[in-house]
Amino acid sequence: MSKKILVMSRLTSLRNYDKRFDLEFWSKLGVEKKFIATWEMTREVNLIRGKNGTQSRFQRSFSLIRKRES
């Protein structure tokens, strides 16, 4: 199974930067690749913050709402 690699580049000054290039790049990726990239970025942020990058997990919270009996 061969992996398809998407390579895009652009050289610009900070003054001329706009979001069109970024939007074009992310629009060319599928949902699965976007999810994987997001998970990797989350892991990197945790490592930068000094946390363990291998044990990141989703936040779990819930609420229980009950209807009052009349």
C-alpha atoms as a PDB file:
ATOM      1  CA  MET A   1       0.000   0.000   0.000  1.00  0.00           C
ATOM      2  CA  SER A   2       1.567   3.273  -1.061  1.00  0.00           C
ATOM      3  CA  LYS A   3       0.891   6.534   0.720  1.00  0.00           C
ATOM      4  CA  LYS A   4      -0.001   9.590  -1.284  1.00  0.00           C
ATOM      5  CA  ILE A   5       1.897  12.609  -0.069  1.00  0.00           C
ATOM      6  CA  LEU A   6       0.562  16.107  -0.597  1.00  0.00           C
ATOM      7  CA  VAL A   7       3.291  18.705  -0.907  1.00  0.00           C
ATOM      8  CA  MET A   8       2.410  22.367  -1.237  1.00  0.00           C
ATOM      9  CA  SER A   9       4.622  25.363  -0.671  1.00  0.00           C
ATOM     10  CA  ARG A  10       4.474  29.111  -0.973  1.00  0.00           C
ATOM     11  CA  LEU A  11       6.970  31.812  -0.160  1.00  0.00           C
ATOM     12  CA  THR A  12       5.516  35.126   0.943  1.00  0.00           C
ATOM     13  CA  SER A  13       6.212  38.000   3.264  1.00  0.00           C
ATOM     14  CA  LEU A  14       4.331  38.390   6.506  1.00  0.00           C
ATOM     15  CA  ARG A  15       2.852  41.598   5.124  1.00  0.00           C
ATOM     16  CA  ASN A  16       1.305  39.772   2.130  1.00  0.00           C
ATOM     17  CA  TYR A  17       0.135  36.702   4.065  1.00  0.00           C
ATOM     18  CA  ASP A  18      -3.496  35.679   3.739  1.00  0.00           C
ATOM     19  CA  LYS A  19      -5.406  32.519   4.633  1.00  0.00           C
ATOM     20  CA  ARG A  20      -6.187  31.371   1.086  1.00  0.00           C
ATOM     21  CA  PHE A  21      -3.180  29.057   0.890  1.00  0.00           C
ATOM     22  CA  ASP A  22      -4.014  27.419   4.232  1.00  0.00           C
ATOM     23  CA  LEU A  23      -7.649  26.967   3.260  1.00  0.00           C
ATOM     24  CA  GLU A  24      -6.661  25.404  -0.069  1.00  0.00           C
ATOM     25  CA  PHE A  25      -4.272  22.982   1.663  1.00  0.00           C
ATOM     26  CA  TRP A  26      -6.770  21.810   4.286  1.00  0.00           C
ATOM     27  CA  SER A  27      -9.572  21.517   1.726  1.00  0.00           C
ATOM     28  CA  LYS A  28      -7.469  19.014  -0.272  1.00  0.00           C
ATOM     29  CA  LEU A  29      -7.143  16.640   2.682  1.00  0.00           C
ATOM     30  CA  GLY A  30      -9.799  14.098   3.540  1.00  0.00           C
ATOM     31  CA  VAL A  31     -11.573  13.863   6.869  1.00  0.00           C
ATOM     32  CA  GLU A  32      -9.334  11.054   8.119  1.00  0.00           C
ATOM     33  CA  LYS A  33      -6.111  12.965   7.382  1.00  0.00           C
ATOM     34  CA  LYS A  34      -7.507  16.099   9.034  1.00  0.00           C
ATOM     35  CA  PHE A  35      -8.327  14.092  12.166  1.00  0.00           C
ATOM     36  CA  ILE A  36      -4.859  12.520  12.261  1.00  0.00           C
ATOM     37  CA  ALA A  37      -3.189  15.934  11.818  1.00  0.00           C
ATOM     38  CA  THR A  38      -5.343  17.413  14.591  1.00  0.00           C
ATOM     39  CA  TRP A  39      -4.461  14.551  16.943  1.00  0.00           C
ATOM     40  CA  GLU A  40      -0.736  14.970  16.195  1.00  0.00           C
ATOM     41  CA  MET A  41      -0.914  18.742  16.813  1.00  0.00           C
ATOM     42  CA  THR A  42      -2.689  18.118  20.124  1.00  0.00           C
ATOM     43  CA  ARG A  43       0.065  15.679  21.109  1.00  0.00           C
ATOM     44  CA  GLU A  44       2.758  18.211  20.203  1.00  0.00           C
ATOM     45  CA  VAL A  45       1.083  20.932  22.283  1.00  0.00           C
ATOM     46  CA  ASN A  46       0.978  18.569  25.268  1.00  0.00           C
ATOM     47  CA  LEU A  47       4.692  17.802  24.847  1.00  0.00           C
ATOM     48  CA  ILE A  48       5.521  21.527  24.619  1.00  0.00           C
ATOM     49  CA  ARG A  49       3.574  22.088  27.838  1.00  0.00           C
ATOM     50  CA  GLY A  50       5.594  19.355  29.543  1.00  0.00           C
ATOM     51  CA  LYS A  51       2.782  16.810  29.620  1.00  0.00           C
ATOM     52  CA  ASN A  52       2.944  13.226  28.451  1.00  0.00           C
ATOM     53  CA  GLY A  53       2.169  13.299  24.728  1.00  0.00           C
ATOM     54  CA  THR A  54       1.233   9.624  24.544  1.00  0.00           C
ATOM     55  CA  GLN A  55      -1.660   9.690  26.987  1.00  0.00           C
ATOM     56  CA  SER A  56      -3.835  12.417  25.572  1.00  0.00           C
ATOM     57  CA  ARG A  57      -7.524  11.653  25.756  1.00  0.00           C
ATOM     58  CA  PHE A  58     -10.896  13.195  25.159  1.00  0.00           C
ATOM     59  CA  GLN A  59     -12.544  15.188  27.908  1.00  0.00           C
ATOM     60  CA  ARG A  60     -15.368  13.265  29.507  1.00  0.00           C
ATOM     61  CA  SER A  61     -18.231  15.032  31.217  1.00  0.00           C
ATOM     62  CA  PHE A  62     -21.937  14.446  31.535  1.00  0.00           C
ATOM     63  CA  SER A  63     -25.082  15.865  33.064  1.00  0.00           C
ATOM     64  CA  LEU A  64     -28.176  14.117  34.249  1.00  0.00           C
ATOM     65  CA  ILE A  65     -31.421  16.041  33.818  1.00  0.00           C
ATOM     66  CA  ARG A  66     -34.605  14.722  35.360  1.00  0.00           C
ATOM     67  CA  LYS A  67     -38.077  16.052  34.889  1.00  0.00           C
ATOM     68  CA  ARG A  68     -39.816  16.983  38.128  1.00  0.00           C
ATOM     69  CA  GLU A  69     -42.837  14.970  38.959  1.00  0.00           C
ATOM     70  CA  SER A  70     -45.930  17.117  39.506  1.00  0.00           C
END
